[in-house]
Every structure is written in C-alpha cells, then in structure tokens.
Amino acid sequence: MISAIWLSYDLGVNGDYEGLYTWLADQGAKECGSSMAFLNFEHEEEDELLASLKEDIEEVVKLTHRSRIYVVFRSSEKIRGLYLIGKRKSAPWIGYESIAEDDYDESR
C-alpha cells in the first residue's frame, strides 16, 4: 500500500539532517518549503502506516530528545496530523493576537 504524506521536521541545531535528507531523497520526496516535504510512502497495511514510517526513519536518522517530526496523512477519508517523533511546543506567535478588548464578541 502507498500513502501520500507530508512531513514537517525540526531536528534542532545539531540534528542529523544528512541522515534525514538521505532518507527523503531515497523516498523520492518533494520539497514543500522550509522543513517540509511530500512523499509517497510504501507500507504493508493501512493501520501500520505510522509505525512503519517511524521505524523506517529511526533506522537511518540519529534522533535526539530535541527531534520533532510531524506527519500529515489521510486516514479513513479524514486528513489527520500528529507528531510522529517529539511533541508540540509553544508557538512563536503567542502574544501577537490582534483581538482588542473592544472587538471581543462574547457570543463566540
């Protein structure tokens, strides 16, 4: 089975980008902007996509506690996204909200 996926990656300053880029090149991935790639990933069963993808990456990329890889994929006709490696951190845009007190709609 082949699944179309998008990977967003952040391996930190000293991350194994060479290993990741080699893996992405071997997968025939397409560049989609800074730290984002699209690829068709081959795996056995639909419910094994994430486990197979994680195992495949971990075999060739040296990951640390700072490594983060987010995957977007179709599952049961829904588009889903989750952290395959690592977890979410605070967004850099926190504090930039433009909602003024006068503009607040209490019915939201």
C-alpha atoms as a PDB file:
ATOM      1  CA  MET A   1       0.000   0.000   0.000  1.00  0.00           C
ATOM      2  CA  ILE A   2       1.194   3.529  -0.747  1.00  0.00           C
ATOM      3  CA  SER A   3       0.186   6.580   1.310  1.00  0.00           C
ATOM      4  CA  ALA A   4       0.715  10.217   0.385  1.00  0.00           C
ATOM      5  CA  ILE A   5       2.164  12.069   3.393  1.00  0.00           C
ATOM      6  CA  TRP A   6       3.647  15.426   4.304  1.00  0.00           C
ATOM      7  CA  LEU A   7       6.475  15.608   6.830  1.00  0.00           C
ATOM      8  CA  SER A   8       7.433  18.678   8.793  1.00  0.00           C
ATOM      9  CA  TYR A   9      10.753  18.278  10.575  1.00  0.00           C
ATOM     10  CA  ASP A  10      12.834  20.103  13.167  1.00  0.00           C
ATOM     11  CA  LEU A  11      15.895  18.174  14.330  1.00  0.00           C
ATOM     12  CA  GLY A  12      17.476  21.042  16.258  1.00  0.00           C
ATOM     13  CA  VAL A  13      20.711  22.877  15.546  1.00  0.00           C
ATOM     14  CA  ASN A  14      22.944  19.794  15.600  1.00  0.00           C
ATOM     15  CA  GLY A  15      20.381  17.321  14.244  1.00  0.00           C
ATOM     16  CA  ASP A  16      21.127  14.556  11.764  1.00  0.00           C
ATOM     17  CA  TYR A  17      19.867  16.433   8.706  1.00  0.00           C
ATOM     18  CA  GLU A  18      22.238  14.484   6.471  1.00  0.00           C
ATOM     19  CA  GLY A  19      20.588  11.223   7.541  1.00  0.00           C
ATOM     20  CA  LEU A  20      17.091  12.675   7.116  1.00  0.00           C
ATOM     21  CA  TYR A  21      17.887  14.224   3.735  1.00  0.00           C
ATOM     22  CA  THR A  22      19.338  10.909   2.538  1.00  0.00           C
ATOM     23  CA  TRP A  23      16.146   9.133   3.650  1.00  0.00           C
ATOM     24  CA  LEU A  24      13.958  11.775   1.968  1.00  0.00           C
ATOM     25  CA  ALA A  25      15.986  11.521  -1.257  1.00  0.00           C
ATOM     26  CA  ASP A  26      15.674   7.718  -1.218  1.00  0.00           C
ATOM     27  CA  GLN A  27      11.887   8.132  -0.842  1.00  0.00           C
ATOM     28  CA  GLY A  28      11.710  10.499  -3.827  1.00  0.00           C
ATOM     29  CA  ALA A  29      10.353  13.263  -1.587  1.00  0.00           C
ATOM     30  CA  LYS A  30       9.463  16.701  -2.927  1.00  0.00           C
ATOM     31  CA  GLU A  31      10.492  19.903  -1.136  1.00  0.00           C
ATOM     32  CA  CYS A  32       7.497  21.922   0.111  1.00  0.00           C
ATOM     33  CA  GLY A  33       9.133  24.905   1.820  1.00  0.00           C
ATOM     34  CA  SER A  34      11.349  25.251   4.828  1.00  0.00           C
ATOM     35  CA  SER A  35      11.484  21.943   6.722  1.00  0.00           C
ATOM     36  CA  MET A  36       8.534  20.420   4.854  1.00  0.00           C
ATOM     37  CA  ALA A  37       8.439  17.510   2.408  1.00  0.00           C
ATOM     38  CA  PHE A  38       5.849  15.498   0.489  1.00  0.00           C
ATOM     39  CA  LEU A  39       6.300  11.830  -0.363  1.00  0.00           C
ATOM     40  CA  ASN A  40       4.511   8.617  -1.191  1.00  0.00           C
ATOM     41  CA  PHE A  41       5.403   6.089   1.492  1.00  0.00           C
ATOM     42  CA  GLU A  42       5.077   2.372   0.848  1.00  0.00           C
ATOM     43  CA  HIS A  43       3.935   0.171   3.752  1.00  0.00           C
ATOM     44  CA  GLU A  44       2.123  -3.126   4.347  1.00  0.00           C
ATOM     45  CA  GLU A  45      -1.266  -2.320   5.907  1.00  0.00           C
ATOM     46  CA  GLU A  46      -3.189   0.954   6.305  1.00  0.00           C
ATOM     47  CA  ASP A  47      -3.185   0.717  10.095  1.00  0.00           C
ATOM     48  CA  GLU A  48       0.613   0.204  10.081  1.00  0.00           C
ATOM     49  CA  LEU A  49       1.478   3.468   8.308  1.00  0.00           C
ATOM     50  CA  LEU A  50       2.668   5.389  11.363  1.00  0.00           C
ATOM     51  CA  ALA A  51       4.547   2.512  12.998  1.00  0.00           C
ATOM     52  CA  SER A  52       6.223   1.592   9.710  1.00  0.00           C
ATOM     53  CA  LEU A  53       7.121   5.224   8.944  1.00  0.00           C
ATOM     54  CA  LYS A  54       8.585   5.806  12.406  1.00  0.00           C
ATOM     55  CA  GLU A  55      10.592   2.578  12.286  1.00  0.00           C
ATOM     56  CA  ASP A  56      11.908   3.406   8.801  1.00  0.00           C
ATOM     57  CA  ILE A  57      13.073   6.881   9.862  1.00  0.00           C
ATOM     58  CA  GLU A  58      14.613   5.681  13.134  1.00  0.00           C
ATOM     59  CA  GLU A  59      16.712   3.129  11.222  1.00  0.00           C
ATOM     60  CA  VAL A  60      18.620   5.825   9.322  1.00  0.00           C
ATOM     61  CA  VAL A  61      18.281   9.109  11.250  1.00  0.00           C
ATOM     62  CA  LYS A  62      20.007   9.755  14.581  1.00  0.00           C
ATOM     63  CA  LEU A  63      17.251  11.309  16.679  1.00  0.00           C
ATOM     64  CA  THR A  64      17.611  13.150  19.996  1.00  0.00           C
ATOM     65  CA  HIS A  65      15.187  14.428  22.604  1.00  0.00           C
ATOM     66  CA  ARG A  66      15.034  17.673  20.581  1.00  0.00           C
ATOM     67  CA  SER A  67      13.999  15.980  17.326  1.00  0.00           C
ATOM     68  CA  ARG A  68      10.472  16.633  16.109  1.00  0.00           C
ATOM     69  CA  ILE A  69       8.761  15.162  13.063  1.00  0.00           C
ATOM     70  CA  TYR A  70       5.118  15.924  12.312  1.00  0.00           C
ATOM     71  CA  VAL A  71       3.231  13.898   9.706  1.00  0.00           C
ATOM     72  CA  VAL A  72       0.030  14.779   7.812  1.00  0.00           C
ATOM     73  CA  PHE A  73      -1.816  11.899   6.133  1.00  0.00           C
ATOM     74  CA  ARG A  74      -5.226  10.612   5.059  1.00  0.00           C
ATOM     75  CA  SER A  75      -6.862   8.098   7.365  1.00  0.00           C
ATOM     76  CA  SER A  76     -10.371   6.739   6.778  1.00  0.00           C
ATOM     77  CA  GLU A  77     -11.213   9.611   4.432  1.00  0.00           C
ATOM     78  CA  LYS A  78     -10.077  12.216   7.009  1.00  0.00           C
ATOM     79  CA  ILE A  79      -6.921  14.285   6.880  1.00  0.00           C
ATOM     80  CA  ARG A  80      -5.006  13.851  10.122  1.00  0.00           C
ATOM     81  CA  GLY A  81      -1.786  15.187  11.557  1.00  0.00           C
ATOM     82  CA  LEU A  82       0.272  14.226  14.572  1.00  0.00           C
ATOM     83  CA  TYR A  83       3.768  14.187  15.967  1.00  0.00           C
ATOM     84  CA  LEU A  84       5.488  11.006  14.877  1.00  0.00           C
ATOM     85  CA  ILE A  85       8.592  11.983  16.870  1.00  0.00           C
ATOM     86  CA  GLY A  86       8.658  14.564  19.664  1.00  0.00           C
ATOM     87  CA  LYS A  87       5.839  16.838  20.748  1.00  0.00           C
ATOM     88  CA  ARG A  88       4.308  20.258  20.241  1.00  0.00           C
ATOM     89  CA  LYS A  89       5.969  23.276  21.842  1.00  0.00           C
ATOM     90  CA  SER A  90       4.803  26.845  22.370  1.00  0.00           C
ATOM     91  CA  ALA A  91       4.130  28.663  19.119  1.00  0.00           C
ATOM     92  CA  PRO A  92       6.416  31.612  18.327  1.00  0.00           C
ATOM     93  CA  TRP A  93       3.350  33.754  17.548  1.00  0.00           C
ATOM     94  CA  ILE A  94       1.957  33.561  21.096  1.00  0.00           C
ATOM     95  CA  GLY A  95       1.355  37.123  22.263  1.00  0.00           C
ATOM     96  CA  TYR A  96       0.754  38.520  18.776  1.00  0.00           C
ATOM     97  CA  GLU A  97      -3.041  38.204  18.947  1.00  0.00           C
ATOM     98  CA  SER A  98      -4.753  41.232  17.432  1.00  0.00           C
ATOM     99  CA  ILE A  99      -8.077  40.964  19.258  1.00  0.00           C
ATOM    100  CA  ALA A 100      -8.664  44.249  21.034  1.00  0.00           C
ATOM    101  CA  GLU A 101     -10.885  44.336  24.107  1.00  0.00           C
ATOM    102  CA  ASP A 102     -13.475  46.472  22.247  1.00  0.00           C
ATOM    103  CA  ASP A 103     -13.641  43.970  19.379  1.00  0.00           C
ATOM    104  CA  TYR A 104     -14.381  40.941  21.554  1.00  0.00           C
ATOM    105  CA  ASP A 105     -17.599  39.147  20.655  1.00  0.00           C
ATOM    106  CA  GLU A 106     -18.992  37.369  23.687  1.00  0.00           C
ATOM    107  CA  SER A 107     -21.198  35.097  21.591  1.00  0.00           C
ATOM    108  CA  ARG A 108     -18.169  33.142  20.326  1.00  0.00           C
END
